[in-house]
Amino acid sequence: MVRTELSLFMKNIPGELGKLTSLFADQDINIDAISIQDASNYVQELFKARGKALPRIASASSYNSMRKDSSQYALIHLLVDKIDMAADILTSNDYIFDTMPVIAVKLKNRPGALAEITTTLGNEGINIHYIYGTVSSPDDDCLFIFCPEDIELASAFFK
């Protein structure tokens, strides 16, 4: 199922995630999935990729400066059940965020379930930018969030 994901940068300090999640909780907005990473990892990977395969758009010292500055922030991807309300809350609380179509799919919690989907997408030439997932117990289905390069083409494989 195609859903809208919120992506935002947040200060990487104690209490900030609690503030964000409380804003949603206070408005009865449920977080269905969340992924958090240190933003400096994102910048560092960008630097490595640019160094290996792509022309650099900034000098090495610029990337090092960005990596240092970005360590003060976390990159958050999340799915919520009330996307419009959540976006309004983020806007009114001065969060910088973006929305992105993603595919949210329940998979059987068994070895190979993720491999089947990712292999199929790869065989169809569909690049996956990132994935994150959750499971609550060995008997439950897993919820995986896929951000493919071609959302329309990829969504045909999740019906």
C-alpha atoms as a PDB file:
ATOM      1  CA  MET A   1       0.000   0.000   0.000  1.00  0.00           C
ATOM      2  CA  VAL A   2       1.361   3.415  -0.950  1.00  0.00           C
ATOM      3  CA  ARG A   3       1.523   5.765   2.030  1.00  0.00           C
ATOM      4  CA  THR A   4       3.018   9.144   2.769  1.00  0.00           C
ATOM      5  CA  GLU A   5       6.120   9.233   4.959  1.00  0.00           C
ATOM      6  CA  LEU A   6       7.324  12.227   6.927  1.00  0.00           C
ATOM      7  CA  SER A   7      11.070  12.894   6.898  1.00  0.00           C
ATOM      8  CA  LEU A   8      12.580  15.474   9.174  1.00  0.00           C
ATOM      9  CA  PHE A   9      15.760  16.590  10.847  1.00  0.00           C
ATOM     10  CA  MET A  10      15.617  16.986  14.600  1.00  0.00           C
ATOM     11  CA  LYS A  11      18.196  18.092  17.145  1.00  0.00           C
ATOM     12  CA  ASN A  12      20.129  15.064  18.379  1.00  0.00           C
ATOM     13  CA  ILE A  13      19.849  15.841  22.091  1.00  0.00           C
ATOM     14  CA  PRO A  14      18.071  14.187  25.019  1.00  0.00           C
ATOM     15  CA  GLY A  15      14.360  14.921  25.192  1.00  0.00           C
ATOM     16  CA  GLU A  16      13.762  16.003  21.596  1.00  0.00           C
ATOM     17  CA  LEU A  17      12.239  12.714  20.488  1.00  0.00           C
ATOM     18  CA  GLY A  18       9.972  12.805  23.539  1.00  0.00           C
ATOM     19  CA  LYS A  19       8.801  16.296  22.573  1.00  0.00           C
ATOM     20  CA  LEU A  20       8.059  15.221  19.013  1.00  0.00           C
ATOM     21  CA  THR A  21       6.222  12.040  19.943  1.00  0.00           C
ATOM     22  CA  SER A  22       4.255  13.838  22.669  1.00  0.00           C
ATOM     23  CA  LEU A  23       3.012  16.369  20.112  1.00  0.00           C
ATOM     24  CA  PHE A  24       1.553  13.475  18.133  1.00  0.00           C
ATOM     25  CA  ALA A  25       0.242  11.641  21.202  1.00  0.00           C
ATOM     26  CA  ASP A  26      -1.547  14.768  22.433  1.00  0.00           C
ATOM     27  CA  GLN A  27      -3.516  14.821  19.157  1.00  0.00           C
ATOM     28  CA  ASP A  28      -4.175  11.053  19.130  1.00  0.00           C
ATOM     29  CA  ILE A  29      -1.854  10.488  16.163  1.00  0.00           C
ATOM     30  CA  ASN A  30      -0.386   6.999  16.084  1.00  0.00           C
ATOM     31  CA  ILE A  31       3.137   6.358  14.807  1.00  0.00           C
ATOM     32  CA  ASP A  32       2.969   3.176  12.727  1.00  0.00           C
ATOM     33  CA  ALA A  33       6.701   3.022  11.917  1.00  0.00           C
ATOM     34  CA  ILE A  34       9.783   5.079  12.696  1.00  0.00           C
ATOM     35  CA  SER A  35      13.435   5.075  11.720  1.00  0.00           C
ATOM     36  CA  ILE A  36      16.041   7.347  13.279  1.00  0.00           C
ATOM     37  CA  GLN A  37      19.679   7.773  12.332  1.00  0.00           C
ATOM     38  CA  ASP A  38      22.418  10.232  13.114  1.00  0.00           C
ATOM     39  CA  ALA A  39      22.396  12.679  10.208  1.00  0.00           C
ATOM     40  CA  SER A  40      26.204  12.638  10.063  1.00  0.00           C
ATOM     41  CA  ASN A  41      25.996   9.036   8.802  1.00  0.00           C
ATOM     42  CA  TYR A  42      23.909  10.290   5.900  1.00  0.00           C
ATOM     43  CA  VAL A  43      26.444  12.987   5.042  1.00  0.00           C
ATOM     44  CA  GLN A  44      29.347  10.570   5.463  1.00  0.00           C
ATOM     45  CA  GLU A  45      27.776   8.060   3.068  1.00  0.00           C
ATOM     46  CA  LEU A  46      27.100  10.847   0.580  1.00  0.00           C
ATOM     47  CA  PHE A  47      30.743  11.843   0.798  1.00  0.00           C
ATOM     48  CA  LYS A  48      31.891   8.256   0.226  1.00  0.00           C
ATOM     49  CA  ALA A  49      29.536   7.803  -2.732  1.00  0.00           C
ATOM     50  CA  ARG A  50      30.633  11.045  -4.332  1.00  0.00           C
ATOM     51  CA  GLY A  51      34.264  10.087  -3.870  1.00  0.00           C
ATOM     52  CA  LYS A  52      33.829   6.684  -5.500  1.00  0.00           C
ATOM     53  CA  ALA A  53      31.393   7.159  -8.321  1.00  0.00           C
ATOM     54  CA  LEU A  54      30.251  10.715  -8.770  1.00  0.00           C
ATOM     55  CA  PRO A  55      31.895  14.076  -9.271  1.00  0.00           C
ATOM     56  CA  ARG A  56      32.152  15.984  -6.028  1.00  0.00           C
ATOM     57  CA  ILE A  57      29.895  18.973  -5.720  1.00  0.00           C
ATOM     58  CA  ALA A  58      31.796  20.294  -2.717  1.00  0.00           C
ATOM     59  CA  SER A  59      35.329  20.101  -1.432  1.00  0.00           C
ATOM     60  CA  ALA A  60      36.448  17.473   1.076  1.00  0.00           C
ATOM     61  CA  SER A  61      36.699  20.148   3.762  1.00  0.00           C
ATOM     62  CA  SER A  62      33.106  21.187   3.053  1.00  0.00           C
ATOM     63  CA  TYR A  63      31.893  17.608   3.475  1.00  0.00           C
ATOM     64  CA  ASN A  64      33.873  17.218   6.694  1.00  0.00           C
ATOM     65  CA  SER A  65      32.321  20.418   7.989  1.00  0.00           C
ATOM     66  CA  MET A  66      28.835  19.207   7.008  1.00  0.00           C
ATOM     67  CA  ARG A  67      29.458  15.864   8.737  1.00  0.00           C
ATOM     68  CA  LYS A  68      30.527  17.631  11.929  1.00  0.00           C
ATOM     69  CA  ASP A  69      27.553  19.997  11.837  1.00  0.00           C
ATOM     70  CA  SER A  70      25.108  17.221  10.964  1.00  0.00           C
ATOM     71  CA  SER A  71      26.095  15.107  13.978  1.00  0.00           C
ATOM     72  CA  GLN A  72      23.971  17.512  16.011  1.00  0.00           C
ATOM     73  CA  TYR A  73      20.866  16.310  14.144  1.00  0.00           C
ATOM     74  CA  ALA A  74      19.001  13.075  13.579  1.00  0.00           C
ATOM     75  CA  LEU A  75      17.288  12.097  10.351  1.00  0.00           C
ATOM     76  CA  ILE A  76      13.844  10.668  11.096  1.00  0.00           C
ATOM     77  CA  HIS A  77      11.497   8.791   8.768  1.00  0.00           C
ATOM     78  CA  LEU A  78       8.056   8.020  10.117  1.00  0.00           C
ATOM     79  CA  LEU A  79       4.611   6.861   9.135  1.00  0.00           C
ATOM     80  CA  VAL A  80       1.612   8.121  11.028  1.00  0.00           C
ATOM     81  CA  ASP A  81      -2.080   7.327  10.789  1.00  0.00           C
ATOM     82  CA  LYS A  82      -3.146  10.982  10.361  1.00  0.00           C
ATOM     83  CA  ILE A  83      -0.663  12.495   7.924  1.00  0.00           C
ATOM     84  CA  ASP A  84      -2.400  15.864   7.418  1.00  0.00           C
ATOM     85  CA  MET A  85      -2.743  16.512  11.158  1.00  0.00           C
ATOM     86  CA  ALA A  86       0.871  15.469  11.736  1.00  0.00           C
ATOM     87  CA  ALA A  87       2.101  17.811   8.987  1.00  0.00           C
ATOM     88  CA  ASP A  88       0.122  20.679  10.528  1.00  0.00           C
ATOM     89  CA  ILE A  89       1.648  19.948  13.940  1.00  0.00           C
ATOM     90  CA  LEU A  90       5.166  19.870  12.505  1.00  0.00           C
ATOM     91  CA  THR A  91       4.587  23.143  10.658  1.00  0.00           C
ATOM     92  CA  SER A  92       3.131  24.920  13.676  1.00  0.00           C
ATOM     93  CA  ASN A  93       6.086  23.776  15.807  1.00  0.00           C
ATOM     94  CA  ASP A  94       8.714  24.952  13.290  1.00  0.00           C
ATOM     95  CA  TYR A  95       9.999  21.512  12.265  1.00  0.00           C
ATOM     96  CA  ILE A  96      11.613  21.304   8.845  1.00  0.00           C
ATOM     97  CA  PHE A  97      10.144  18.265   7.139  1.00  0.00           C
ATOM     98  CA  ASP A  98       9.294  16.740   3.796  1.00  0.00           C
ATOM     99  CA  THR A  99       6.818  14.141   2.642  1.00  0.00           C
ATOM    100  CA  MET A 100       7.609  11.182   0.438  1.00  0.00           C
ATOM    101  CA  PRO A 101       5.496   8.389  -1.040  1.00  0.00           C
ATOM    102  CA  VAL A 102       6.600   4.992   0.258  1.00  0.00           C
ATOM    103  CA  ILE A 103       5.220   1.486   0.231  1.00  0.00           C
ATOM    104  CA  ALA A 104       4.132  -0.032   3.534  1.00  0.00           C
ATOM    105  CA  VAL A 105       3.685  -3.777   3.348  1.00  0.00           C
ATOM    106  CA  LYS A 106       3.091  -6.591   5.804  1.00  0.00           C
ATOM    107  CA  LEU A 107       5.315  -9.602   5.241  1.00  0.00           C
ATOM    108  CA  LYS A 108       5.176 -13.008   6.868  1.00  0.00           C
ATOM    109  CA  ASN A 109       7.739 -13.249   9.661  1.00  0.00           C
ATOM    110  CA  ARG A 110       9.759 -16.059   8.112  1.00  0.00           C
ATOM    111  CA  PRO A 111      13.200 -16.463   6.575  1.00  0.00           C
ATOM    112  CA  GLY A 112      13.234 -15.368   2.948  1.00  0.00           C
ATOM    113  CA  ALA A 113      10.134 -13.152   2.925  1.00  0.00           C
ATOM    114  CA  LEU A 114      12.153  -9.975   2.547  1.00  0.00           C
ATOM    115  CA  ALA A 115      14.539 -11.666   0.106  1.00  0.00           C
ATOM    116  CA  GLU A 116      11.644 -12.582  -2.198  1.00  0.00           C
ATOM    117  CA  ILE A 117      10.405  -9.016  -2.446  1.00  0.00           C
ATOM    118  CA  THR A 118      13.815  -7.375  -2.794  1.00  0.00           C
ATOM    119  CA  THR A 119      14.954  -9.943  -5.372  1.00  0.00           C
ATOM    120  CA  THR A 120      11.789  -9.424  -7.414  1.00  0.00           C
ATOM    121  CA  LEU A 121      12.228  -5.651  -7.367  1.00  0.00           C
ATOM    122  CA  GLY A 122      15.895  -6.001  -8.291  1.00  0.00           C
ATOM    123  CA  ASN A 123      15.078  -8.343 -11.174  1.00  0.00           C
ATOM    124  CA  GLU A 124      12.597  -5.753 -12.443  1.00  0.00           C
ATOM    125  CA  GLY A 125      15.294  -3.071 -12.302  1.00  0.00           C
ATOM    126  CA  ILE A 126      13.676  -1.176  -9.437  1.00  0.00           C
ATOM    127  CA  ASN A 127      16.201   0.448  -7.109  1.00  0.00           C
ATOM    128  CA  ILE A 128      15.353   0.640  -3.413  1.00  0.00           C
ATOM    129  CA  HIS A 129      16.615   3.803  -1.704  1.00  0.00           C
ATOM    130  CA  TYR A 130      15.971   2.537   1.832  1.00  0.00           C
ATOM    131  CA  ILE A 131      13.934   0.081   3.898  1.00  0.00           C
ATOM    132  CA  TYR A 132      13.015  -0.141   7.552  1.00  0.00           C
ATOM    133  CA  GLY A 133      10.775  -2.580   9.337  1.00  0.00           C
ATOM    134  CA  THR A 134       9.266  -3.799  12.568  1.00  0.00           C
ATOM    135  CA  VAL A 135       7.861  -6.937  14.129  1.00  0.00           C
ATOM    136  CA  SER A 136       6.297  -7.355  17.542  1.00  0.00           C
ATOM    137  CA  SER A 137       6.551 -11.126  18.008  1.00  0.00           C
ATOM    138  CA  PRO A 138       7.681 -14.231  16.099  1.00  0.00           C
ATOM    139  CA  ASP A 139       4.051 -15.054  15.250  1.00  0.00           C
ATOM    140  CA  ASP A 140       3.103 -11.611  13.897  1.00  0.00           C
ATOM    141  CA  ASP A 141       3.551 -10.238  10.410  1.00  0.00           C
ATOM    142  CA  CYS A 142       6.343  -7.722   9.873  1.00  0.00           C
ATOM    143  CA  LEU A 143       5.653  -4.173   8.701  1.00  0.00           C
ATOM    144  CA  PHE A 144       8.268  -3.036   6.198  1.00  0.00           C
ATOM    145  CA  ILE A 145       8.543   0.394   4.647  1.00  0.00           C
ATOM    146  CA  PHE A 146      10.123   0.538   1.183  1.00  0.00           C
ATOM    147  CA  CYS A 147      11.248   3.708  -0.556  1.00  0.00           C
ATOM    148  CA  PRO A 148      11.787   2.596  -4.154  1.00  0.00           C
ATOM    149  CA  GLU A 149      13.063   4.749  -6.964  1.00  0.00           C
ATOM    150  CA  ASP A 150       9.900   4.122  -9.033  1.00  0.00           C
ATOM    151  CA  ILE A 151       6.961   4.046  -6.623  1.00  0.00           C
ATOM    152  CA  GLU A 152       4.329   3.341  -9.281  1.00  0.00           C
ATOM    153  CA  LEU A 153       6.174   0.417 -10.835  1.00  0.00           C
ATOM    154  CA  ALA A 154       7.143  -1.035  -7.447  1.00  0.00           C
ATOM    155  CA  SER A 155       3.634  -0.777  -6.005  1.00  0.00           C
ATOM    156  CA  ALA A 156       2.406  -3.277  -8.609  1.00  0.00           C
ATOM    157  CA  PHE A 157       4.470  -5.987  -6.868  1.00  0.00           C
ATOM    158  CA  PHE A 158       2.838  -5.404  -3.465  1.00  0.00           C
ATOM    159  CA  LYS A 159      -0.802  -6.114  -4.315  1.00  0.00           C
END
